[in-house]
Amino acid sequence: AYGSIRMEPVFMILGQAAATAASLALAGNLAVQAVSVPALQARLR
């Protein structure tokens, strides 16, 4: 599966998602695992 995912555009896509989740975690004083996925997806969209 990594053989399919490991492409530079996807790394940028996931890098953006990681930072967006980090920002939400900081705002809510949360663990990254506790970030609201709907809120994360809404911001990404």
PDB file of all heavy atoms in Angstrom:
ATOM      1  N   ALA A   1       0.833  -1.203   0.000  1.00  0.00           N
ATOM      2  CA  ALA A   1       0.000   0.000   0.000  1.00  0.00           C
ATOM      3  C   ALA A   1       0.865   1.249   0.000  1.00  0.00           C
ATOM      4  O   ALA A   1       0.566   2.237  -0.681  1.00  0.00           O
ATOM      5  CB  ALA A   1      -0.936  -0.007   1.203  1.00  0.00           C
ATOM      6  N   TYR A   2       1.961   1.204   0.749  1.00  0.00           N
ATOM      7  CA  TYR A   2       2.881   2.343   0.754  1.00  0.00           C
ATOM      8  C   TYR A   2       3.441   2.588  -0.639  1.00  0.00           C
ATOM      9  O   TYR A   2       3.691   3.728  -1.032  1.00  0.00           O
ATOM     10  CB  TYR A   2       4.022   2.094   1.745  1.00  0.00           C
ATOM     11  CG  TYR A   2       4.857   3.328   2.022  1.00  0.00           C
ATOM     12  CD1 TYR A   2       4.399   4.315   2.883  1.00  0.00           C
ATOM     13  CD2 TYR A   2       6.091   3.514   1.406  1.00  0.00           C
ATOM     14  CE1 TYR A   2       5.147   5.454   3.134  1.00  0.00           C
ATOM     15  CE2 TYR A   2       6.851   4.651   1.655  1.00  0.00           C
ATOM     16  CZ  TYR A   2       6.372   5.621   2.514  1.00  0.00           C
ATOM     17  OH  TYR A   2       7.108   6.756   2.748  1.00  0.00           O
ATOM     18  N   GLY A   3       3.596   1.521  -1.415  1.00  0.00           N
ATOM     19  CA  GLY A   3       4.072   1.666  -2.776  1.00  0.00           C
ATOM     20  C   GLY A   3       3.172   2.511  -3.637  1.00  0.00           C
ATOM     21  O   GLY A   3       3.627   3.128  -4.605  1.00  0.00           O
ATOM     22  N   SER A   4       1.900   2.580  -3.305  1.00  0.00           N
ATOM     23  CA  SER A   4       0.960   3.445  -4.028  1.00  0.00           C
ATOM     24  C   SER A   4       0.903   4.843  -3.432  1.00  0.00           C
ATOM     25  O   SER A   4       0.816   5.839  -4.151  1.00  0.00           O
ATOM     26  CB  SER A   4      -0.437   2.810  -4.003  1.00  0.00           C
ATOM     27  OG  SER A   4      -1.414   3.697  -4.494  1.00  0.00           O
ATOM     28  N   ILE A   5       0.968   4.925  -2.099  1.00  0.00           N
ATOM     29  CA  ILE A   5       0.784   6.206  -1.413  1.00  0.00           C
ATOM     30  C   ILE A   5       2.027   7.089  -1.513  1.00  0.00           C
ATOM     31  O   ILE A   5       1.927   8.320  -1.526  1.00  0.00           O
ATOM     32  CB  ILE A   5       0.434   5.950   0.071  1.00  0.00           C
ATOM     33  CG1 ILE A   5      -0.879   5.171   0.178  1.00  0.00           C
ATOM     34  CG2 ILE A   5       0.341   7.255   0.859  1.00  0.00           C
ATOM     35  CD1 ILE A   5      -1.154   4.605   1.556  1.00  0.00           C
ATOM     36  N   ARG A   6       3.210   6.503  -1.655  1.00  0.00           N
ATOM     37  CA  ARG A   6       4.489   7.187  -1.449  1.00  0.00           C
ATOM     38  C   ARG A   6       4.863   8.150  -2.582  1.00  0.00           C
ATOM     39  O   ARG A   6       6.008   8.189  -3.016  1.00  0.00           O
ATOM     40  CB  ARG A   6       5.607   6.155  -1.299  1.00  0.00           C
ATOM     41  CG  ARG A   6       5.779   5.280  -2.525  1.00  0.00           C
ATOM     42  CD  ARG A   6       6.994   4.363  -2.444  1.00  0.00           C
ATOM     43  NE  ARG A   6       7.142   3.619  -3.691  1.00  0.00           N
ATOM     44  CZ  ARG A   6       7.776   4.074  -4.755  1.00  0.00           C
ATOM     45  NH1 ARG A   6       8.335   5.271  -4.753  1.00  0.00           N
ATOM     46  NH2 ARG A   6       7.857   3.336  -5.852  1.00  0.00           N
ATOM     47  N   MET A   7       3.946   8.949  -3.035  1.00  0.00           N
ATOM     48  CA  MET A   7       4.211   9.870  -4.132  1.00  0.00           C
ATOM     49  C   MET A   7       4.263  11.310  -3.614  1.00  0.00           C
ATOM     50  O   MET A   7       3.548  11.666  -2.670  1.00  0.00           O
ATOM     51  CB  MET A   7       3.157   9.719  -5.219  1.00  0.00           C
ATOM     52  CG  MET A   7       3.044   8.284  -5.735  1.00  0.00           C
ATOM     53  SD  MET A   7       4.629   7.651  -6.365  1.00  0.00           S
ATOM     54  CE  MET A   7       4.446   5.895  -6.143  1.00  0.00           C
ATOM     55  N   GLU A   8       5.078  12.130  -4.243  1.00  0.00           N
ATOM     56  CA  GLU A   8       5.293  13.487  -3.767  1.00  0.00           C
ATOM     57  C   GLU A   8       4.001  14.294  -3.627  1.00  0.00           C
ATOM     58  O   GLU A   8       3.831  15.006  -2.632  1.00  0.00           O
ATOM     59  CB  GLU A   8       6.289  14.201  -4.676  1.00  0.00           C
ATOM     60  CG  GLU A   8       7.701  13.629  -4.624  1.00  0.00           C
ATOM     61  CD  GLU A   8       8.412  13.921  -3.315  1.00  0.00           C
ATOM     62  OE1 GLU A   8       8.716  15.095  -3.042  1.00  0.00           O
ATOM     63  OE2 GLU A   8       8.659  12.961  -2.560  1.00  0.00           O
ATOM     64  N   PRO A   9       3.050  14.242  -4.582  1.00  0.00           N
ATOM     65  CA  PRO A   9       1.802  14.998  -4.368  1.00  0.00           C
ATOM     66  C   PRO A   9       1.062  14.548  -3.112  1.00  0.00           C
ATOM     67  O   PRO A   9       0.483  15.378  -2.399  1.00  0.00           O
ATOM     68  CB  PRO A   9       0.984  14.714  -5.628  1.00  0.00           C
ATOM     69  CG  PRO A   9       1.977  14.290  -6.645  1.00  0.00           C
ATOM     70  CD  PRO A   9       3.054  13.577  -5.906  1.00  0.00           C
ATOM     71  N   VAL A  10       1.067  13.235  -2.840  1.00  0.00           N
ATOM     72  CA  VAL A  10       0.354  12.721  -1.666  1.00  0.00           C
ATOM     73  C   VAL A  10       1.054  13.164  -0.393  1.00  0.00           C
ATOM     74  O   VAL A  10       0.403  13.505   0.607  1.00  0.00           O
ATOM     75  CB  VAL A  10       0.226  11.193  -1.734  1.00  0.00           C
ATOM     76  CG1 VAL A  10      -0.523  10.658  -0.506  1.00  0.00           C
ATOM     77  CG2 VAL A  10      -0.494  10.773  -3.006  1.00  0.00           C
ATOM     78  N   PHE A  11       2.389  13.184  -0.398  1.00  0.00           N
ATOM     79  CA  PHE A  11       3.101  13.679   0.775  1.00  0.00           C
ATOM     80  C   PHE A  11       2.722  15.133   1.066  1.00  0.00           C
ATOM     81  O   PHE A  11       2.571  15.528   2.225  1.00  0.00           O
ATOM     82  CB  PHE A  11       4.607  13.562   0.574  1.00  0.00           C
ATOM     83  CG  PHE A  11       5.130  12.150   0.613  1.00  0.00           C
ATOM     84  CD1 PHE A  11       6.310  11.816  -0.034  1.00  0.00           C
ATOM     85  CD2 PHE A  11       4.459  11.150   1.292  1.00  0.00           C
ATOM     86  CE1 PHE A  11       6.809  10.520   0.001  1.00  0.00           C
ATOM     87  CE2 PHE A  11       4.937   9.850   1.339  1.00  0.00           C
ATOM     88  CZ  PHE A  11       6.123   9.539   0.688  1.00  0.00           C
ATOM     89  N   MET A  12       2.555  15.947   0.034  1.00  0.00           N
ATOM     90  CA  MET A  12       2.121  17.333   0.247  1.00  0.00           C
ATOM     91  C   MET A  12       0.689  17.387   0.764  1.00  0.00           C
ATOM     92  O   MET A  12       0.366  18.175   1.655  1.00  0.00           O
ATOM     93  CB  MET A  12       2.255  18.132  -1.049  1.00  0.00           C
ATOM     94  CG  MET A  12       3.675  18.502  -1.402  1.00  0.00           C
ATOM     95  SD  MET A  12       3.762  19.681  -2.774  1.00  0.00           S
ATOM     96  CE  MET A  12       4.328  18.609  -4.080  1.00  0.00           C
ATOM     97  N   ILE A  13      -0.175  16.557   0.200  1.00  0.00           N
ATOM     98  CA  ILE A  13      -1.567  16.488   0.657  1.00  0.00           C
ATOM     99  C   ILE A  13      -1.621  16.132   2.136  1.00  0.00           C
ATOM    100  O   ILE A  13      -2.349  16.766   2.928  1.00  0.00           O
ATOM    101  CB  ILE A  13      -2.349  15.462  -0.189  1.00  0.00           C
ATOM    102  CG1 ILE A  13      -2.571  15.995  -1.613  1.00  0.00           C
ATOM    103  CG2 ILE A  13      -3.680  15.097   0.471  1.00  0.00           C
ATOM    104  CD1 ILE A  13      -3.053  14.938  -2.588  1.00  0.00           C
ATOM    105  N   LEU A  14      -0.862  15.116   2.526  1.00  0.00           N
ATOM    106  CA  LEU A  14      -0.883  14.667   3.921  1.00  0.00           C
ATOM    107  C   LEU A  14      -0.149  15.640   4.839  1.00  0.00           C
ATOM    108  O   LEU A  14      -0.502  15.770   6.016  1.00  0.00           O
ATOM    109  CB  LEU A  14      -0.280  13.269   4.024  1.00  0.00           C
ATOM    110  CG  LEU A  14      -1.029  12.171   3.251  1.00  0.00           C
ATOM    111  CD1 LEU A  14      -0.344  10.824   3.440  1.00  0.00           C
ATOM    112  CD2 LEU A  14      -2.496  12.095   3.663  1.00  0.00           C
ATOM    113  N   GLY A  15       0.866  16.343   4.308  1.00  0.00           N
ATOM    114  CA  GLY A  15       1.518  17.382   5.096  1.00  0.00           C
ATOM    115  C   GLY A  15       0.566  18.504   5.445  1.00  0.00           C
ATOM    116  O   GLY A  15       0.544  19.005   6.582  1.00  0.00           O
ATOM    117  N   GLN A  16      -0.252  18.913   4.474  1.00  0.00           N
ATOM    118  CA  GLN A  16      -1.266  19.931   4.743  1.00  0.00           C
ATOM    119  C   GLN A  16      -2.259  19.434   5.784  1.00  0.00           C
ATOM    120  O   GLN A  16      -2.634  20.174   6.711  1.00  0.00           O
ATOM    121  CB  GLN A  16      -2.008  20.290   3.455  1.00  0.00           C
ATOM    122  CG  GLN A  16      -3.117  21.321   3.655  1.00  0.00           C
ATOM    123  CD  GLN A  16      -3.845  21.663   2.368  1.00  0.00           C
ATOM    124  OE1 GLN A  16      -3.555  21.124   1.310  1.00  0.00           O
ATOM    125  NE2 GLN A  16      -4.799  22.581   2.449  1.00  0.00           N
ATOM    126  N   ALA A  17      -2.690  18.180   5.658  1.00  0.00           N
ATOM    127  CA  ALA A  17      -3.641  17.619   6.618  1.00  0.00           C
ATOM    128  C   ALA A  17      -3.038  17.551   8.017  1.00  0.00           C
ATOM    129  O   ALA A  17      -3.717  17.851   9.017  1.00  0.00           O
ATOM    130  CB  ALA A  17      -4.079  16.227   6.159  1.00  0.00           C
ATOM    131  N   ALA A  18      -1.760  17.173   8.097  1.00  0.00           N
ATOM    132  CA  ALA A  18      -1.105  17.069   9.398  1.00  0.00           C
ATOM    133  C   ALA A  18      -1.058  18.417  10.102  1.00  0.00           C
ATOM    134  O   ALA A  18      -1.349  18.522  11.308  1.00  0.00           O
ATOM    135  CB  ALA A  18       0.303  16.508   9.222  1.00  0.00           C
ATOM    136  N   ALA A  19      -0.683  19.469   9.378  1.00  0.00           N
ATOM    137  CA  ALA A  19      -0.602  20.793   9.990  1.00  0.00           C
ATOM    138  C   ALA A  19      -1.976  21.310  10.384  1.00  0.00           C
ATOM    139  O   ALA A  19      -2.130  21.950  11.437  1.00  0.00           O
ATOM    140  CB  ALA A  19       0.070  21.765   9.032  1.00  0.00           C
ATOM    141  N   THR A  20      -2.970  21.045   9.560  1.00  0.00           N
ATOM    142  CA  THR A  20      -4.330  21.487   9.887  1.00  0.00           C
ATOM    143  C   THR A  20      -4.814  20.799  11.160  1.00  0.00           C
ATOM    144  O   THR A  20      -5.413  21.434  12.039  1.00  0.00           O
ATOM    145  CB  THR A  20      -5.276  21.184   8.715  1.00  0.00           C
ATOM    146  OG1 THR A  20      -4.764  21.795   7.524  1.00  0.00           O
ATOM    147  CG2 THR A  20      -6.672  21.715   8.988  1.00  0.00           C
ATOM    148  N   ALA A  21      -4.534  19.501  11.272  1.00  0.00           N
ATOM    149  CA  ALA A  21      -4.905  18.779  12.493  1.00  0.00           C
ATOM    150  C   ALA A  21      -4.125  19.305  13.690  1.00  0.00           C
ATOM    151  O   ALA A  21      -4.678  19.449  14.796  1.00  0.00           O
ATOM    152  CB  ALA A  21      -4.647  17.287  12.308  1.00  0.00           C
ATOM    153  N   ALA A  22      -2.852  19.625  13.498  1.00  0.00           N
ATOM    154  CA  ALA A  22      -2.040  20.164  14.592  1.00  0.00           C
ATOM    155  C   ALA A  22      -2.596  21.481  15.093  1.00  0.00           C
ATOM    156  O   ALA A  22      -2.645  21.745  16.304  1.00  0.00           O
ATOM    157  CB  ALA A  22      -0.599  20.348  14.124  1.00  0.00           C
ATOM    158  N   SER A  23      -3.036  22.327  14.170  1.00  0.00           N
ATOM    159  CA  SER A  23      -3.617  23.611  14.559  1.00  0.00           C
ATOM    160  C   SER A  23      -4.895  23.418  15.366  1.00  0.00           C
ATOM    161  O   SER A  23      -5.126  24.086  16.385  1.00  0.00           O
ATOM    162  CB  SER A  23      -3.889  24.452  13.318  1.00  0.00           C
ATOM    163  OG  SER A  23      -4.429  25.708  13.657  1.00  0.00           O
ATOM    164  N   LEU A  24      -5.750  22.490  14.927  1.00  0.00           N
ATOM    165  CA  LEU A  24      -6.985  22.209  15.667  1.00  0.00           C
ATOM    166  C   LEU A  24      -6.678  21.619  17.039  1.00  0.00           C
ATOM    167  O   LEU A  24      -7.355  21.939  18.030  1.00  0.00           O
ATOM    168  CB  LEU A  24      -7.858  21.243  14.863  1.00  0.00           C
ATOM    169  CG  LEU A  24      -8.475  21.802  13.576  1.00  0.00           C
ATOM    170  CD1 LEU A  24      -9.152  20.696  12.776  1.00  0.00           C
ATOM    171  CD2 LEU A  24      -9.482  22.906  13.903  1.00  0.00           C
ATOM    172  N   ALA A  25      -5.663  20.778  17.115  1.00  0.00           N
ATOM    173  CA  ALA A  25      -5.293  20.190  18.405  1.00  0.00           C
ATOM    174  C   ALA A  25      -4.806  21.261  19.373  1.00  0.00           C
ATOM    175  O   ALA A  25      -5.155  21.253  20.565  1.00  0.00           O
ATOM    176  CB  ALA A  25      -4.225  19.125  18.200  1.00  0.00           C
ATOM    177  N   LEU A  26      -4.019  22.206  18.866  1.00  0.00           N
ATOM    178  CA  LEU A  26      -3.550  23.299  19.718  1.00  0.00           C
ATOM    179  C   LEU A  26      -4.710  24.162  20.188  1.00  0.00           C
ATOM    180  O   LEU A  26      -4.769  24.570  21.357  1.00  0.00           O
ATOM    181  CB  LEU A  26      -2.527  24.149  18.961  1.00  0.00           C
ATOM    182  CG  LEU A  26      -1.139  23.532  18.753  1.00  0.00           C
ATOM    183  CD1 LEU A  26      -0.317  24.403  17.823  1.00  0.00           C
ATOM    184  CD2 LEU A  26      -0.425  23.335  20.090  1.00  0.00           C
ATOM    185  N   ALA A  27      -5.635  24.443  19.278  1.00  0.00           N
ATOM    186  CA  ALA A  27      -6.774  25.304  19.624  1.00  0.00           C
ATOM    187  C   ALA A  27      -7.633  24.680  20.716  1.00  0.00           C
ATOM    188  O   ALA A  27      -8.182  25.389  21.573  1.00  0.00           O
ATOM    189  CB  ALA A  27      -7.616  25.580  18.377  1.00  0.00           C
ATOM    190  N   GLY A  28      -7.753  23.355  20.689  1.00  0.00           N
ATOM    191  CA  GLY A  28      -8.595  22.683  21.669  1.00  0.00           C
ATOM    192  C   GLY A  28      -7.841  22.040  22.802  1.00  0.00           C
ATOM    193  O   GLY A  28      -8.452  21.347  23.631  1.00  0.00           O
ATOM    194  N   ASN A  29      -6.517  22.245  22.841  1.00  0.00           N
ATOM    195  CA  ASN A  29      -5.670  21.601  23.854  1.00  0.00           C
ATOM    196  C   ASN A  29      -5.917  20.098  23.856  1.00  0.00           C
ATOM    197  O   ASN A  29      -6.137  19.471  24.895  1.00  0.00           O
ATOM    198  CB  ASN A  29      -5.922  22.190  25.236  1.00  0.00           C
ATOM    199  CG  ASN A  29      -4.854  21.783  26.249  1.00  0.00           C
ATOM    200  OD1 ASN A  29      -3.714  21.494  25.867  1.00  0.00           O
ATOM    201  ND2 ASN A  29      -5.218  21.737  27.520  1.00  0.00           N
ATOM    202  N   LEU A  30      -5.855  19.513  22.659  1.00  0.00           N
ATOM    203  CA  LEU A  30      -6.204  18.114  22.471  1.00  0.00           C
ATOM    204  C   LEU A  30      -4.995  17.300  22.035  1.00  0.00           C
ATOM    205  O   LEU A  30      -4.041  17.829  21.467  1.00  0.00           O
ATOM    206  CB  LEU A  30      -7.284  17.984  21.385  1.00  0.00           C
ATOM    207  CG  LEU A  30      -8.606  18.703  21.600  1.00  0.00           C
ATOM    208  CD1 LEU A  30      -9.422  18.658  20.308  1.00  0.00           C
ATOM    209  CD2 LEU A  30      -9.386  18.056  22.738  1.00  0.00           C
ATOM    210  N   ALA A  31      -5.081  16.006  22.264  1.00  0.00           N
ATOM    211  CA  ALA A  31      -4.175  15.084  21.581  1.00  0.00           C
ATOM    212  C   ALA A  31      -4.561  15.047  20.110  1.00  0.00           C
ATOM    213  O   ALA A  31      -5.740  15.232  19.761  1.00  0.00           O
ATOM    214  CB  ALA A  31      -4.296  13.689  22.189  1.00  0.00           C
ATOM    215  N   VAL A  32      -3.592  14.804  19.235  1.00  0.00           N
ATOM    216  CA  VAL A  32      -3.932  14.773  17.806  1.00  0.00           C
ATOM    217  C   VAL A  32      -4.933  13.664  17.507  1.00  0.00           C
ATOM    218  O   VAL A  32      -5.733  13.775  16.572  1.00  0.00           O
ATOM    219  CB  VAL A  32      -2.669  14.607  16.943  1.00  0.00           C
ATOM    220  CG1 VAL A  32      -1.786  15.833  17.032  1.00  0.00           C
ATOM    221  CG2 VAL A  32      -1.878  13.342  17.317  1.00  0.00           C
ATOM    222  N   GLN A  33      -4.934  12.614  18.320  1.00  0.00           N
ATOM    223  CA  GLN A  33      -5.881  11.520  18.112  1.00  0.00           C
ATOM    224  C   GLN A  33      -7.310  11.926  18.462  1.00  0.00           C
ATOM    225  O   GLN A  33      -8.263  11.274  18.029  1.00  0.00           O
ATOM    226  CB  GLN A  33      -5.475  10.306  18.948  1.00  0.00           C
ATOM    227  CG  GLN A  33      -4.147   9.682  18.560  1.00  0.00           C
ATOM    228  CD  GLN A  33      -2.945  10.400  19.158  1.00  0.00           C
ATOM    229  OE1 GLN A  33      -3.087  11.370  19.915  1.00  0.00           O
ATOM    230  NE2 GLN A  33      -1.740   9.925  18.847  1.00  0.00           N
ATOM    231  N   ALA A  34      -7.471  13.010  19.237  1.00  0.00           N
ATOM    232  CA  ALA A  34      -8.806  13.438  19.679  1.00  0.00           C
ATOM    233  C   ALA A  34      -9.379  14.559  18.819  1.00  0.00           C
ATOM    234  O   ALA A  34     -10.482  15.044  19.095  1.00  0.00           O
ATOM    235  CB  ALA A  34      -8.742  13.890  21.141  1.00  0.00           C
ATOM    236  N   VAL A  35      -8.663  14.979  17.797  1.00  0.00           N
ATOM    237  CA  VAL A  35      -9.159  16.041  16.918  1.00  0.00           C
ATOM    238  C   VAL A  35     -10.445  15.576  16.241  1.00  0.00           C
ATOM    239  O   VAL A  35     -10.561  14.425  15.799  1.00  0.00           O
ATOM    240  CB  VAL A  35      -8.093  16.404  15.866  1.00  0.00           C
ATOM    241  CG1 VAL A  35      -8.681  17.240  14.744  1.00  0.00           C
ATOM    242  CG2 VAL A  35      -6.930  17.131  16.529  1.00  0.00           C
ATOM    243  N   SER A  36     -11.417  16.472  16.149  1.00  0.00           N
ATOM    244  CA  SER A  36     -12.675  16.155  15.478  1.00  0.00           C
ATOM    245  C   SER A  36     -12.419  15.966  13.987  1.00  0.00           C
ATOM    246  O   SER A  36     -12.007  16.903  13.292  1.00  0.00           O
ATOM    247  CB  SER A  36     -13.678  17.284  15.684  1.00  0.00           C
ATOM    248  OG  SER A  36     -14.765  17.174  14.778  1.00  0.00           O
ATOM    249  N   VAL A  37     -12.667  14.759  13.495  1.00  0.00           N
ATOM    250  CA  VAL A  37     -12.439  14.492  12.075  1.00  0.00           C
ATOM    251  C   VAL A  37     -13.368  15.329  11.200  1.00  0.00           C
ATOM    252  O   VAL A  37     -12.924  15.894  10.195  1.00  0.00           O
ATOM    253  CB  VAL A  37     -12.580  12.992  11.778  1.00  0.00           C
ATOM    254  CG1 VAL A  37     -12.607  12.729  10.270  1.00  0.00           C
ATOM    255  CG2 VAL A  37     -11.430  12.220  12.425  1.00  0.00           C
ATOM    256  N   PRO A  38     -14.667  15.461  11.519  1.00  0.00           N
ATOM    257  CA  PRO A  38     -15.505  16.344  10.694  1.00  0.00           C
ATOM    258  C   PRO A  38     -14.988  17.777  10.643  1.00  0.00           C
ATOM    259  O   PRO A  38     -15.017  18.418   9.579  1.00  0.00           O
ATOM    260  CB  PRO A  38     -16.875  16.255  11.369  1.00  0.00           C
ATOM    261  CG  PRO A  38     -16.881  14.919  12.027  1.00  0.00           C
ATOM    262  CD  PRO A  38     -15.483  14.717  12.513  1.00  0.00           C
ATOM    263  N   ALA A  39     -14.506  18.296  11.773  1.00  0.00           N
ATOM    264  CA  ALA A  39     -13.962  19.657  11.770  1.00  0.00           C
ATOM    265  C   ALA A  39     -12.696  19.732  10.924  1.00  0.00           C
ATOM    266  O   ALA A  39     -12.472  20.699  10.183  1.00  0.00           O
ATOM    267  CB  ALA A  39     -13.679  20.108  13.197  1.00  0.00           C
ATOM    268  N   LEU A  40     -11.859  18.714  11.037  1.00  0.00           N
ATOM    269  CA  LEU A  40     -10.636  18.661  10.235  1.00  0.00           C
ATOM    270  C   LEU A  40     -10.978  18.600   8.749  1.00  0.00           C
ATOM    271  O   LEU A  40     -10.411  19.348   7.929  1.00  0.00           O
ATOM    272  CB  LEU A  40      -9.810  17.451  10.650  1.00  0.00           C
ATOM    273  CG  LEU A  40      -8.586  17.106   9.792  1.00  0.00           C
ATOM    274  CD1 LEU A  40      -7.606  18.268   9.752  1.00  0.00           C
ATOM    275  CD2 LEU A  40      -7.915  15.831  10.312  1.00  0.00           C
ATOM    276  N   GLN A  41     -11.900  17.739   8.388  1.00  0.00           N
ATOM    277  CA  GLN A  41     -12.278  17.608   6.978  1.00  0.00           C
ATOM    278  C   GLN A  41     -12.909  18.891   6.448  1.00  0.00           C
ATOM    279  O   GLN A  41     -12.646  19.290   5.304  1.00  0.00           O
ATOM    280  CB  GLN A  41     -13.226  16.427   6.804  1.00  0.00           C
ATOM    281  CG  GLN A  41     -12.565  15.074   7.049  1.00  0.00           C
ATOM    282  CD  GLN A  41     -13.550  13.930   7.028  1.00  0.00           C
ATOM    283  OE1 GLN A  41     -14.723  14.078   7.399  1.00  0.00           O
ATOM    284  NE2 GLN A  41     -13.086  12.752   6.610  1.00  0.00           N
ATOM    285  N   ALA A  42     -13.711  19.546   7.270  1.00  0.00           N
ATOM    286  CA  ALA A  42     -14.331  20.797   6.836  1.00  0.00           C
ATOM    287  C   ALA A  42     -13.287  21.851   6.523  1.00  0.00           C
ATOM    288  O   ALA A  42     -13.381  22.576   5.521  1.00  0.00           O
ATOM    289  CB  ALA A  42     -15.304  21.295   7.900  1.00  0.00           C
ATOM    290  N   ARG A  43     -12.278  21.954   7.381  1.00  0.00           N
ATOM    291  CA  ARG A  43     -11.232  22.952   7.139  1.00  0.00           C
ATOM    292  C   ARG A  43     -10.397  22.586   5.906  1.00  0.00           C
ATOM    293  O   ARG A  43     -10.027  23.459   5.109  1.00  0.00           O
ATOM    294  CB  ARG A  43     -10.334  23.075   8.361  1.00  0.00           C
ATOM    295  CG  ARG A  43      -9.221  24.099   8.193  1.00  0.00           C
ATOM    296  CD  ARG A  43      -9.763  25.515   8.062  1.00  0.00           C
ATOM    297  NE  ARG A  43      -8.940  26.362   7.245  1.00  0.00           N
ATOM    298  CZ  ARG A  43      -8.809  27.678   7.447  1.00  0.00           C
ATOM    299  NH1 ARG A  43      -9.452  28.265   8.457  1.00  0.00           N
ATOM    300  NH2 ARG A  43      -8.062  28.398   6.631  1.00  0.00           N
ATOM    301  N   LEU A  44     -10.121  21.311   5.742  1.00  0.00           N
ATOM    302  CA  LEU A  44      -9.363  20.882   4.572  1.00  0.00           C
ATOM    303  C   LEU A  44     -10.127  21.181   3.286  1.00  0.00           C
ATOM    304  O   LEU A  44      -9.543  21.662   2.301  1.00  0.00           O
ATOM    305  CB  LEU A  44      -9.032  19.392   4.672  1.00  0.00           C
ATOM    306  CG  LEU A  44      -7.985  19.003   5.719  1.00  0.00           C
ATOM    307  CD1 LEU A  44      -7.899  17.488   5.858  1.00  0.00           C
ATOM    308  CD2 LEU A  44      -6.615  19.578   5.357  1.00  0.00           C
ATOM    309  N   ARG A  45     -11.424  20.901   3.285  1.00  0.00           N
ATOM    310  CA  ARG A  45     -12.218  21.226   2.093  1.00  0.00           C
ATOM    311  C   ARG A  45     -12.220  22.729   1.837  1.00  0.00           C
ATOM    312  O   ARG A  45     -12.139  23.175   0.684  1.00  0.00           O
ATOM    313  CB  ARG A  45     -13.650  20.719   2.269  1.00  0.00           C
ATOM    314  CG  ARG A  45     -13.797  19.203   2.244  1.00  0.00           C
ATOM    315  CD  ARG A  45     -15.259  18.794   2.187  1.00  0.00           C
ATOM    316  NE  ARG A  45     -15.410  17.346   2.328  1.00  0.00           N
ATOM    317  CZ  ARG A  45     -15.695  16.732   3.468  1.00  0.00           C
ATOM    318  NH1 ARG A  45     -15.869  17.453   4.579  1.00  0.00           N
ATOM    319  NH2 ARG A  45     -15.807  15.425   3.509  1.00  0.00           N
TER     320      ARG A  45
END
